[in-house]
Amino acid sequence: MNKTELVWYVGYGSNMLNERFMCYINGGQFRHNGRPHNRCADTTPPLAKMIYEIPYNMYYGNRSSGWNGMGVSFLDITRPGKAYGVAYLVTKSQFERPVIS
């Protein structure tokens, strides 16, 4: 595979959990969130993953029906700070999410 066909996807909050992230790739529902996801046409697991420091603060706000009315995490990109995430090395097609219903 050509490295121009790969991208790093950085997830924060609940997307740091491998189990949740893999719902985006394989389809299905995360056990703590009932929203179903279609699977990607390419279900290859990430080729690598690593901890990633995001240069912005994370905060919770609003309410989400998918999280039983609890808050959703956001990054405040207007001010420097620090949040942690996980970077997943995936294919461009997975990032662009061509899906199979």
PDB file of N, CA and C in Angstrom:
ATOM      1  N   MET A   1       0.841  -1.183   0.000  1.00  0.00           N
ATOM      2  CA  MET A   1       0.000   0.000   0.000  1.00  0.00           C
ATOM      3  C   MET A   1       0.886   1.247   0.000  1.00  0.00           C
ATOM      4  N   ASN A   2       0.536   2.187  -0.808  1.00  0.00           N
ATOM      5  CA  ASN A   2       1.233   3.450  -0.937  1.00  0.00           C
ATOM      6  C   ASN A   2       0.895   4.342   0.261  1.00  0.00           C
ATOM      7  N   LYS A   3       1.885   5.004   0.851  1.00  0.00           N
ATOM      8  CA  LYS A   3       1.582   5.807   2.035  1.00  0.00           C
ATOM      9  C   LYS A   3       0.718   7.020   1.739  1.00  0.00           C
ATOM     10  N   THR A   4       0.554   7.403   0.485  1.00  0.00           N
ATOM     11  CA  THR A   4      -0.380   8.484   0.165  1.00  0.00           C
ATOM     12  C   THR A   4      -1.829   8.002   0.276  1.00  0.00           C
ATOM     13  N   GLU A   5      -2.029   6.695   0.414  1.00  0.00           N
ATOM     14  CA  GLU A   5      -3.370   6.139   0.588  1.00  0.00           C
ATOM     15  C   GLU A   5      -3.750   6.016   2.059  1.00  0.00           C
ATOM     16  N   LEU A   6      -2.875   6.486   2.967  1.00  0.00           N
ATOM     17  CA  LEU A   6      -3.107   6.367   4.402  1.00  0.00           C
ATOM     18  C   LEU A   6      -3.273   7.743   5.038  1.00  0.00           C
ATOM     19  N   VAL A   7      -4.071   7.803   6.090  1.00  0.00           N
ATOM     20  CA  VAL A   7      -4.255   9.041   6.852  1.00  0.00           C
ATOM     21  C   VAL A   7      -4.296   8.695   8.341  1.00  0.00           C
ATOM     22  N   TRP A   8      -3.926   9.653   9.159  1.00  0.00           N
ATOM     23  CA  TRP A   8      -4.067   9.518  10.603  1.00  0.00           C
ATOM     24  C   TRP A   8      -5.388  10.167  11.010  1.00  0.00           C
ATOM     25  N   TYR A   9      -6.236   9.415  11.672  1.00  0.00           N
ATOM     26  CA  TYR A   9      -7.492   9.923  12.232  1.00  0.00           C
ATOM     27  C   TYR A   9      -7.277  10.051  13.731  1.00  0.00           C
ATOM     28  N   VAL A  10      -7.493  11.245  14.281  1.00  0.00           N
ATOM     29  CA  VAL A  10      -7.311  11.446  15.727  1.00  0.00           C
ATOM     30  C   VAL A  10      -8.679  11.531  16.378  1.00  0.00           C
ATOM     31  N   GLY A  11      -8.916  10.629  17.314  1.00  0.00           N
ATOM     32  CA  GLY A  11     -10.156  10.626  18.073  1.00  0.00           C
ATOM     33  C   GLY A  11      -9.888  11.089  19.491  1.00  0.00           C
ATOM     34  N   TYR A  12     -10.864  11.757  20.088  1.00  0.00           N
ATOM     35  CA  TYR A  12     -10.761  12.174  21.484  1.00  0.00           C
ATOM     36  C   TYR A  12     -12.078  11.821  22.153  1.00  0.00           C
ATOM     37  N   GLY A  13     -12.147  11.977  23.458  1.00  0.00           N
ATOM     38  CA  GLY A  13     -13.363  11.608  24.176  1.00  0.00           C
ATOM     39  C   GLY A  13     -13.618  10.116  24.007  1.00  0.00           C
ATOM     40  N   SER A  14     -14.872   9.752  23.743  1.00  0.00           N
ATOM     41  CA  SER A  14     -15.222   8.329  23.635  1.00  0.00           C
ATOM     42  C   SER A  14     -14.598   7.658  22.412  1.00  0.00           C
ATOM     43  N   ASN A  15     -14.184   8.434  21.406  1.00  0.00           N
ATOM     44  CA  ASN A  15     -13.554   7.832  20.231  1.00  0.00           C
ATOM     45  C   ASN A  15     -12.133   7.359  20.498  1.00  0.00           C
ATOM     46  N   MET A  16     -11.638   7.574  21.719  1.00  0.00           N
ATOM     47  CA  MET A  16     -10.340   7.014  22.094  1.00  0.00           C
ATOM     48  C   MET A  16     -10.459   5.515  22.345  1.00  0.00           C
ATOM     49  N   LEU A  17     -11.663   5.049  22.640  1.00  0.00           N
ATOM     50  CA  LEU A  17     -11.872   3.627  22.918  1.00  0.00           C
ATOM     51  C   LEU A  17     -11.840   2.835  21.616  1.00  0.00           C
ATOM     52  N   ASN A  18     -10.958   1.860  21.550  1.00  0.00           N
ATOM     53  CA  ASN A  18     -10.832   1.048  20.344  1.00  0.00           C
ATOM     54  C   ASN A  18     -12.172   0.405  19.971  1.00  0.00           C
ATOM     55  N   GLU A  19     -12.907  -0.093  20.964  1.00  0.00           N
ATOM     56  CA  GLU A  19     -14.196  -0.731  20.708  1.00  0.00           C
ATOM     57  C   GLU A  19     -15.160   0.227  19.995  1.00  0.00           C
ATOM     58  N   ARG A  20     -15.204   1.458  20.429  1.00  0.00           N
ATOM     59  CA  ARG A  20     -16.090   2.443  19.787  1.00  0.00           C
ATOM     60  C   ARG A  20     -15.586   2.795  18.399  1.00  0.00           C
ATOM     61  N   PHE A  21     -14.285   3.042  18.257  1.00  0.00           N
ATOM     62  CA  PHE A  21     -13.735   3.390  16.952  1.00  0.00           C
ATOM     63  C   PHE A  21     -14.006   2.276  15.933  1.00  0.00           C
ATOM     64  N   MET A  22     -13.883   1.032  16.359  1.00  0.00           N
ATOM     65  CA  MET A  22     -14.077  -0.081  15.427  1.00  0.00           C
ATOM     66  C   MET A  22     -15.525  -0.198  14.953  1.00  0.00           C
ATOM     67  N   CYS A  23     -16.479   0.407  15.671  1.00  0.00           N
ATOM     68  CA  CYS A  23     -17.867   0.454  15.174  1.00  0.00           C
ATOM     69  C   CYS A  23     -17.946   1.277  13.897  1.00  0.00           C
ATOM     70  N   TYR A  24     -17.075   2.277  13.746  1.00  0.00           N
ATOM     71  CA  TYR A  24     -17.034   3.065  12.515  1.00  0.00           C
ATOM     72  C   TYR A  24     -16.497   2.225  11.353  1.00  0.00           C
ATOM     73  N   ILE A  25     -15.582   1.322  11.641  1.00  0.00           N
ATOM     74  CA  ILE A  25     -14.975   0.481  10.604  1.00  0.00           C
ATOM     75  C   ILE A  25     -15.866  -0.732  10.300  1.00  0.00           C
ATOM     76  N   ASN A  26     -16.241  -1.485  11.334  1.00  0.00           N
ATOM     77  CA  ASN A  26     -16.969  -2.747  11.162  1.00  0.00           C
ATOM     78  C   ASN A  26     -18.481  -2.605  11.167  1.00  0.00           C
ATOM     79  N   GLY A  27     -18.975  -1.444  11.544  1.00  0.00           N
ATOM     80  CA  GLY A  27     -20.413  -1.275  11.676  1.00  0.00           C
ATOM     81  C   GLY A  27     -20.876  -1.786  13.035  1.00  0.00           C
ATOM     82  N   GLY A  28     -22.125  -1.551  13.327  1.00  0.00           N
ATOM     83  CA  GLY A  28     -22.686  -2.024  14.583  1.00  0.00           C
ATOM     84  C   GLY A  28     -22.888  -0.889  15.569  1.00  0.00           C
ATOM     85  N   GLN A  29     -23.190  -1.269  16.791  1.00  0.00           N
ATOM     86  CA  GLN A  29     -23.499  -0.307  17.829  1.00  0.00           C
ATOM     87  C   GLN A  29     -22.523  -0.426  18.981  1.00  0.00           C
ATOM     88  N   PHE A  30     -22.067   0.699  19.486  1.00  0.00           N
ATOM     89  CA  PHE A  30     -21.244   0.732  20.683  1.00  0.00           C
ATOM     90  C   PHE A  30     -22.147   0.428  21.868  1.00  0.00           C
ATOM     91  N   ARG A  31     -21.666  -0.340  22.815  1.00  0.00           N
ATOM     92  CA  ARG A  31     -22.511  -0.820  23.920  1.00  0.00           C
ATOM     93  C   ARG A  31     -23.060   0.300  24.791  1.00  0.00           C
ATOM     94  N   HIS A  32     -22.440   1.469  24.813  1.00  0.00           N
ATOM     95  CA  HIS A  32     -22.925   2.578  25.632  1.00  0.00           C
ATOM     96  C   HIS A  32     -23.676   3.627  24.826  1.00  0.00           C
ATOM     97  N   ASN A  33     -23.865   3.386  23.537  1.00  0.00           N
ATOM     98  CA  ASN A  33     -24.537   4.349  22.678  1.00  0.00           C
ATOM     99  C   ASN A  33     -25.298   3.550  21.630  1.00  0.00           C
ATOM    100  N   GLY A  34     -26.603   3.691  21.588  1.00  0.00           N
ATOM    101  CA  GLY A  34     -27.426   2.864  20.719  1.00  0.00           C
ATOM    102  C   GLY A  34     -27.446   3.230  19.254  1.00  0.00           C
ATOM    103  N   ARG A  35     -26.717   4.253  18.847  1.00  0.00           N
ATOM    104  CA  ARG A  35     -26.739   4.681  17.452  1.00  0.00           C
ATOM    105  C   ARG A  35     -25.989   3.687  16.563  1.00  0.00           C
ATOM    106  N   PRO A  36     -26.653   3.094  15.572  1.00  0.00           N
ATOM    107  CA  PRO A  36     -25.967   2.123  14.708  1.00  0.00           C
ATOM    108  C   PRO A  36     -25.113   2.809  13.639  1.00  0.00           C
ATOM    109  N   HIS A  37     -24.049   2.146  13.259  1.00  0.00           N
ATOM    110  CA  HIS A  37     -23.158   2.635  12.200  1.00  0.00           C
ATOM    111  C   HIS A  37     -23.088   1.581  11.107  1.00  0.00           C
ATOM    112  N   ASN A  38     -23.088   2.028   9.855  1.00  0.00           N
ATOM    113  CA  ASN A  38     -22.854   1.119   8.736  1.00  0.00           C
ATOM    114  C   ASN A  38     -21.365   0.810   8.687  1.00  0.00           C
ATOM    115  N   ARG A  39     -21.026  -0.338   8.158  1.00  0.00           N
ATOM    116  CA  ARG A  39     -19.611  -0.686   8.072  1.00  0.00           C
ATOM    117  C   ARG A  39     -18.975  -0.064   6.840  1.00  0.00           C
ATOM    118  N   CYS A  40     -17.667   0.147   6.924  1.00  0.00           N
ATOM    119  CA  CYS A  40     -16.905   0.644   5.781  1.00  0.00           C
ATOM    120  C   CYS A  40     -16.792  -0.468   4.743  1.00  0.00           C
ATOM    121  N   ALA A  41     -16.614  -0.086   3.503  1.00  0.00           N
ATOM    122  CA  ALA A  41     -16.350  -1.069   2.460  1.00  0.00           C
ATOM    123  C   ALA A  41     -15.037  -1.799   2.762  1.00  0.00           C
ATOM    124  N   ASP A  42     -14.074  -1.090   3.344  1.00  0.00           N
ATOM    125  CA  ASP A  42     -12.782  -1.656   3.740  1.00  0.00           C
ATOM    126  C   ASP A  42     -12.788  -1.818   5.261  1.00  0.00           C
ATOM    127  N   THR A  43     -12.882  -3.045   5.750  1.00  0.00           N
ATOM    128  CA  THR A  43     -12.960  -3.290   7.198  1.00  0.00           C
ATOM    129  C   THR A  43     -11.611  -3.678   7.810  1.00  0.00           C
ATOM    130  N   THR A  44     -10.533  -3.366   7.103  1.00  0.00           N
ATOM    131  CA  THR A  44      -9.198  -3.622   7.643  1.00  0.00           C
ATOM    132  C   THR A  44      -9.003  -2.833   8.939  1.00  0.00           C
ATOM    133  N   PRO A  45      -8.524  -3.476  10.007  1.00  0.00           N
ATOM    134  CA  PRO A  45      -8.270  -2.713  11.244  1.00  0.00           C
ATOM    135  C   PRO A  45      -7.200  -1.644  11.003  1.00  0.00           C
ATOM    136  N   PRO A  46      -7.152  -0.605  11.847  1.00  0.00           N
ATOM    137  CA  PRO A  46      -6.088   0.397  11.702  1.00  0.00           C
ATOM    138  C   PRO A  46      -4.715  -0.275  11.659  1.00  0.00           C
ATOM    139  N   LEU A  47      -3.847   0.261  10.824  1.00  0.00           N
ATOM    140  CA  LEU A  47      -2.511  -0.304  10.668  1.00  0.00           C
ATOM    141  C   LEU A  47      -1.613   0.031  11.854  1.00  0.00           C
ATOM    142  N   ALA A  48      -1.945   1.099  12.574  1.00  0.00           N
ATOM    143  CA  ALA A  48      -1.185   1.499  13.759  1.00  0.00           C
ATOM    144  C   ALA A  48      -2.074   2.411  14.590  1.00  0.00           C
ATOM    145  N   LYS A  49      -1.713   2.568  15.845  1.00  0.00           N
ATOM    146  CA  LYS A  49      -2.371   3.565  16.679  1.00  0.00           C
ATOM    147  C   LYS A  49      -1.379   4.047  17.712  1.00  0.00           C
ATOM    148  N   MET A  50      -1.566   5.291  18.138  1.00  0.00           N
ATOM    149  CA  MET A  50      -0.661   5.864  19.126  1.00  0.00           C
ATOM    150  C   MET A  50      -1.392   6.951  19.909  1.00  0.00           C
ATOM    151  N   ILE A  51      -0.917   7.205  21.109  1.00  0.00           N
ATOM    152  CA  ILE A  51      -1.450   8.290  21.918  1.00  0.00           C
ATOM    153  C   ILE A  51      -1.028   9.595  21.259  1.00  0.00           C
ATOM    154  N   TYR A  52      -1.924  10.572  21.285  1.00  0.00           N
ATOM    155  CA  TYR A  52      -1.657  11.838  20.620  1.00  0.00           C
ATOM    156  C   TYR A  52      -2.088  12.978  21.532  1.00  0.00           C
ATOM    157  N   GLU A  53      -1.228  13.959  21.705  1.00  0.00           N
ATOM    158  CA  GLU A  53      -1.563  15.133  22.507  1.00  0.00           C
ATOM    159  C   GLU A  53      -2.116  16.210  21.580  1.00  0.00           C
ATOM    160  N   ILE A  54      -3.347  16.634  21.866  1.00  0.00           N
ATOM    161  CA  ILE A  54      -4.035  17.648  21.072  1.00  0.00           C
ATOM    162  C   ILE A  54      -3.788  19.008  21.725  1.00  0.00           C
ATOM    163  N   PRO A  55      -3.397  20.037  20.975  1.00  0.00           N
ATOM    164  CA  PRO A  55      -3.023  21.319  21.588  1.00  0.00           C
ATOM    165  C   PRO A  55      -4.197  22.228  21.949  1.00  0.00           C
ATOM    166  N   TYR A  56      -5.344  21.652  22.291  1.00  0.00           N
ATOM    167  CA  TYR A  56      -6.535  22.412  22.674  1.00  0.00           C
ATOM    168  C   TYR A  56      -7.211  21.732  23.860  1.00  0.00           C
ATOM    169  N   ASN A  57      -7.958  22.509  24.639  1.00  0.00           N
ATOM    170  CA  ASN A  57      -8.715  21.938  25.749  1.00  0.00           C
ATOM    171  C   ASN A  57      -9.974  21.248  25.235  1.00  0.00           C
ATOM    172  N   MET A  58     -10.371  20.201  25.940  1.00  0.00           N
ATOM    173  CA  MET A  58     -11.621  19.507  25.659  1.00  0.00           C
ATOM    174  C   MET A  58     -12.624  19.914  26.731  1.00  0.00           C
ATOM    175  N   TYR A  59     -13.871  20.064  26.339  1.00  0.00           N
ATOM    176  CA  TYR A  59     -14.923  20.378  27.305  1.00  0.00           C
ATOM    177  C   TYR A  59     -16.202  19.647  26.900  1.00  0.00           C
ATOM    178  N   TYR A  60     -17.138  19.561  27.833  1.00  0.00           N
ATOM    179  CA  TYR A  60     -18.424  18.916  27.582  1.00  0.00           C
ATOM    180  C   TYR A  60     -19.515  19.972  27.534  1.00  0.00           C
ATOM    181  N   GLY A  61     -20.456  19.792  26.627  1.00  0.00           N
ATOM    182  CA  GLY A  61     -21.556  20.732  26.516  1.00  0.00           C
ATOM    183  C   GLY A  61     -22.721  20.114  25.775  1.00  0.00           C
ATOM    184  N   ASN A  62     -23.805  20.865  25.706  1.00  0.00           N
ATOM    185  CA  ASN A  62     -25.030  20.428  25.025  1.00  0.00           C
ATOM    186  C   ASN A  62     -25.562  19.127  25.622  1.00  0.00           C
ATOM    187  N   ARG A  63     -26.495  18.537  24.945  1.00  0.00           N
ATOM    188  CA  ARG A  63     -27.052  17.248  25.351  1.00  0.00           C
ATOM    189  C   ARG A  63     -27.242  16.413  24.096  1.00  0.00           C
ATOM    190  N   SER A  64     -27.004  15.132  24.233  1.00  0.00           N
ATOM    191  CA  SER A  64     -27.129  14.240  23.090  1.00  0.00           C
ATOM    192  C   SER A  64     -28.081  13.101  23.424  1.00  0.00           C
ATOM    193  N   SER A  65     -29.073  12.891  22.556  1.00  0.00           N
ATOM    194  CA  SER A  65     -29.990  11.763  22.774  1.00  0.00           C
ATOM    195  C   SER A  65     -29.234  10.442  22.662  1.00  0.00           C
ATOM    196  N   GLY A  66     -28.177  10.410  21.855  1.00  0.00           N
ATOM    197  CA  GLY A  66     -27.371   9.199  21.718  1.00  0.00           C
ATOM    198  C   GLY A  66     -26.593   8.856  22.970  1.00  0.00           C
ATOM    199  N   TRP A  67     -26.420   9.822  23.859  1.00  0.00           N
ATOM    200  CA  TRP A  67     -25.703   9.598  25.120  1.00  0.00           C
ATOM    201  C   TRP A  67     -26.658   9.804  26.305  1.00  0.00           C
ATOM    202  N   ASN A  68     -27.919   9.411  26.114  1.00  0.00           N
ATOM    203  CA  ASN A  68     -28.929   9.500  27.182  1.00  0.00           C
ATOM    204  C   ASN A  68     -29.044  10.904  27.754  1.00  0.00           C
ATOM    205  N   GLY A  69     -29.001  11.912  26.898  1.00  0.00           N
ATOM    206  CA  GLY A  69     -29.166  13.286  27.330  1.00  0.00           C
ATOM    207  C   GLY A  69     -27.938  13.900  27.989  1.00  0.00           C
ATOM    208  N   MET A  70     -26.828  13.171  28.017  1.00  0.00           N
ATOM    209  CA  MET A  70     -25.606  13.712  28.631  1.00  0.00           C
ATOM    210  C   MET A  70     -24.841  14.554  27.616  1.00  0.00           C
ATOM    211  N   GLY A  71     -23.793  15.236  28.101  1.00  0.00           N
ATOM    212  CA  GLY A  71     -23.007  16.135  27.282  1.00  0.00           C
ATOM    213  C   GLY A  71     -22.150  15.426  26.250  1.00  0.00           C
ATOM    214  N   VAL A  72     -21.726  16.201  25.285  1.00  0.00           N
ATOM    215  CA  VAL A  72     -20.866  15.737  24.207  1.00  0.00           C
ATOM    216  C   VAL A  72     -19.538  16.461  24.346  1.00  0.00           C
ATOM    217  N   SER A  73     -18.431  15.796  24.010  1.00  0.00           N
ATOM    218  CA  SER A  73     -17.136  16.464  24.129  1.00  0.00           C
ATOM    219  C   SER A  73     -16.818  17.268  22.865  1.00  0.00           C
ATOM    220  N   PHE A  74     -16.181  18.412  23.102  1.00  0.00           N
ATOM    221  CA  PHE A  74     -15.770  19.318  22.032  1.00  0.00           C
ATOM    222  C   PHE A  74     -14.339  19.767  22.307  1.00  0.00           C
ATOM    223  N   LEU A  75     -13.656  20.217  21.264  1.00  0.00           N
ATOM    224  CA  LEU A  75     -12.355  20.855  21.423  1.00  0.00           C
ATOM    225  C   LEU A  75     -12.541  22.361  21.273  1.00  0.00           C
ATOM    226  N   ASP A  76     -11.925  23.130  22.159  1.00  0.00           N
ATOM    227  CA  ASP A  76     -11.949  24.589  22.056  1.00  0.00           C
ATOM    228  C   ASP A  76     -10.714  25.018  21.273  1.00  0.00           C
ATOM    229  N   ILE A  77     -10.881  25.203  19.960  1.00  0.00           N
ATOM    230  CA  ILE A  77      -9.726  25.515  19.106  1.00  0.00           C
ATOM    231  C   ILE A  77      -9.402  27.004  19.107  1.00  0.00           C
ATOM    232  N   THR A  78     -10.092  27.793  19.957  1.00  0.00           N
ATOM    233  CA  THR A  78      -9.801  29.223  20.029  1.00  0.00           C
ATOM    234  C   THR A  78      -8.715  29.531  21.048  1.00  0.00           C
ATOM    235  N   ARG A  79      -8.382  28.555  21.896  1.00  0.00           N
ATOM    236  CA  ARG A  79      -7.359  28.774  22.927  1.00  0.00           C
ATOM    237  C   ARG A  79      -6.437  27.573  23.016  1.00  0.00           C
ATOM    238  N   PRO A  80      -5.150  27.815  23.221  1.00  0.00           N
ATOM    239  CA  PRO A  80      -4.243  26.689  23.416  1.00  0.00           C
ATOM    240  C   PRO A  80      -4.577  25.966  24.719  1.00  0.00           C
ATOM    241  N   GLY A  81      -4.281  24.711  24.771  1.00  0.00           N
ATOM    242  CA  GLY A  81      -4.510  23.895  25.958  1.00  0.00           C
ATOM    243  C   GLY A  81      -3.936  22.513  25.742  1.00  0.00           C
ATOM    244  N   LYS A  82      -4.555  21.526  26.381  1.00  0.00           N
ATOM    245  CA  LYS A  82      -4.073  20.165  26.212  1.00  0.00           C
ATOM    246  C   LYS A  82      -5.222  19.193  26.420  1.00  0.00           C
ATOM    247  N   ALA A  83      -5.384  18.294  25.471  1.00  0.00           N
ATOM    248  CA  ALA A  83      -6.309  17.176  25.580  1.00  0.00           C
ATOM    249  C   ALA A  83      -5.576  15.963  25.014  1.00  0.00           C
ATOM    250  N   TYR A  84      -6.024  14.804  25.387  1.00  0.00           N
ATOM    251  CA  TYR A  84      -5.391  13.589  24.880  1.00  0.00           C
ATOM    252  C   TYR A  84      -6.320  12.883  23.911  1.00  0.00           C
ATOM    253  N   GLY A  85      -5.728  12.255  22.956  1.00  0.00           N
ATOM    254  CA  GLY A  85      -6.479  11.503  21.969  1.00  0.00           C
ATOM    255  C   GLY A  85      -5.706  10.274  21.559  1.00  0.00           C
ATOM    256  N   VAL A  86      -6.280   9.537  20.647  1.00  0.00           N
ATOM    257  CA  VAL A  86      -5.621   8.378  20.050  1.00  0.00           C
ATOM    258  C   VAL A  86      -5.644   8.591  18.540  1.00  0.00           C
ATOM    259  N   ALA A  87      -4.500   8.425  17.907  1.00  0.00           N
ATOM    260  CA  ALA A  87      -4.391   8.536  16.452  1.00  0.00           C
ATOM    261  C   ALA A  87      -4.412   7.124  15.864  1.00  0.00           C
ATOM    262  N   TYR A  88      -5.285   6.924  14.895  1.00  0.00           N
ATOM    263  CA  TYR A  88      -5.424   5.634  14.209  1.00  0.00           C
ATOM    264  C   TYR A  88      -4.962   5.813  12.763  1.00  0.00           C
ATOM    265  N   LEU A  89      -4.109   4.936  12.279  1.00  0.00           N
ATOM    266  CA  LEU A  89      -3.655   4.975  10.889  1.00  0.00           C
ATOM    267  C   LEU A  89      -4.609   4.122  10.060  1.00  0.00           C
ATOM    268  N   VAL A  90      -5.394   4.789   9.209  1.00  0.00           N
ATOM    269  CA  VAL A  90      -6.410   4.112   8.406  1.00  0.00           C
ATOM    270  C   VAL A  90      -6.226   4.481   6.937  1.00  0.00           C
ATOM    271  N   THR A  91      -6.947   3.782   6.080  1.00  0.00           N
ATOM    272  CA  THR A  91      -6.886   4.103   4.655  1.00  0.00           C
ATOM    273  C   THR A  91      -7.748   5.337   4.361  1.00  0.00           C
ATOM    274  N   LYS A  92      -7.435   6.012   3.277  1.00  0.00           N
ATOM    275  CA  LYS A  92      -8.238   7.172   2.872  1.00  0.00           C
ATOM    276  C   LYS A  92      -9.688   6.768   2.649  1.00  0.00           C
ATOM    277  N   SER A  93      -9.909   5.585   2.088  1.00  0.00           N
ATOM    278  CA  SER A  93     -11.299   5.164   1.838  1.00  0.00           C
ATOM    279  C   SER A  93     -12.053   4.975   3.157  1.00  0.00           C
ATOM    280  N   GLN A  94     -11.379   4.492   4.198  1.00  0.00           N
ATOM    281  CA  GLN A  94     -12.042   4.381   5.503  1.00  0.00           C
ATOM    282  C   GLN A  94     -12.331   5.770   6.079  1.00  0.00           C
ATOM    283  N   PHE A  95     -11.394   6.685   5.936  1.00  0.00           N
ATOM    284  CA  PHE A  95     -11.587   8.042   6.439  1.00  0.00           C
ATOM    285  C   PHE A  95     -12.738   8.721   5.706  1.00  0.00           C
ATOM    286  N   GLU A  96     -12.817   8.516   4.412  1.00  0.00           N
ATOM    287  CA  GLU A  96     -13.894   9.120   3.632  1.00  0.00           C
ATOM    288  C   GLU A  96     -15.207   8.359   3.808  1.00  0.00           C
ATOM    289  N   ARG A  97     -15.150   7.178   4.409  1.00  0.00           N
ATOM    290  CA  ARG A  97     -16.259   6.331   4.838  1.00  0.00           C
ATOM    291  C   ARG A  97     -17.210   5.864   3.754  1.00  0.00           C
ATOM    292  N   PRO A  98     -16.724   5.347   2.639  1.00  0.00           N
ATOM    293  CA  PRO A  98     -17.684   4.654   1.771  1.00  0.00           C
ATOM    294  C   PRO A  98     -18.242   3.487   2.594  1.00  0.00           C
ATOM    295  N   VAL A  99     -19.528   3.410   2.714  1.00  0.00           N
ATOM    296  CA  VAL A  99     -20.132   2.435   3.632  1.00  0.00           C
ATOM    297  C   VAL A  99     -21.006   1.443   2.895  1.00  0.00           C
ATOM    298  N   ILE A 100     -21.225   0.333   3.567  1.00  0.00           N
ATOM    299  CA  ILE A 100     -22.142  -0.698   3.098  1.00  0.00           C
ATOM    300  C   ILE A 100     -23.277  -0.744   4.105  1.00  0.00           C
ATOM    301  N   SER A 101     -24.493  -0.629   3.627  1.00  0.00           N
ATOM    302  CA  SER A 101     -25.657  -0.642   4.527  1.00  0.00           C
ATOM    303  C   SER A 101     -25.949  -2.039   5.006  1.00  0.00           C
TER     304      SER A 101
END
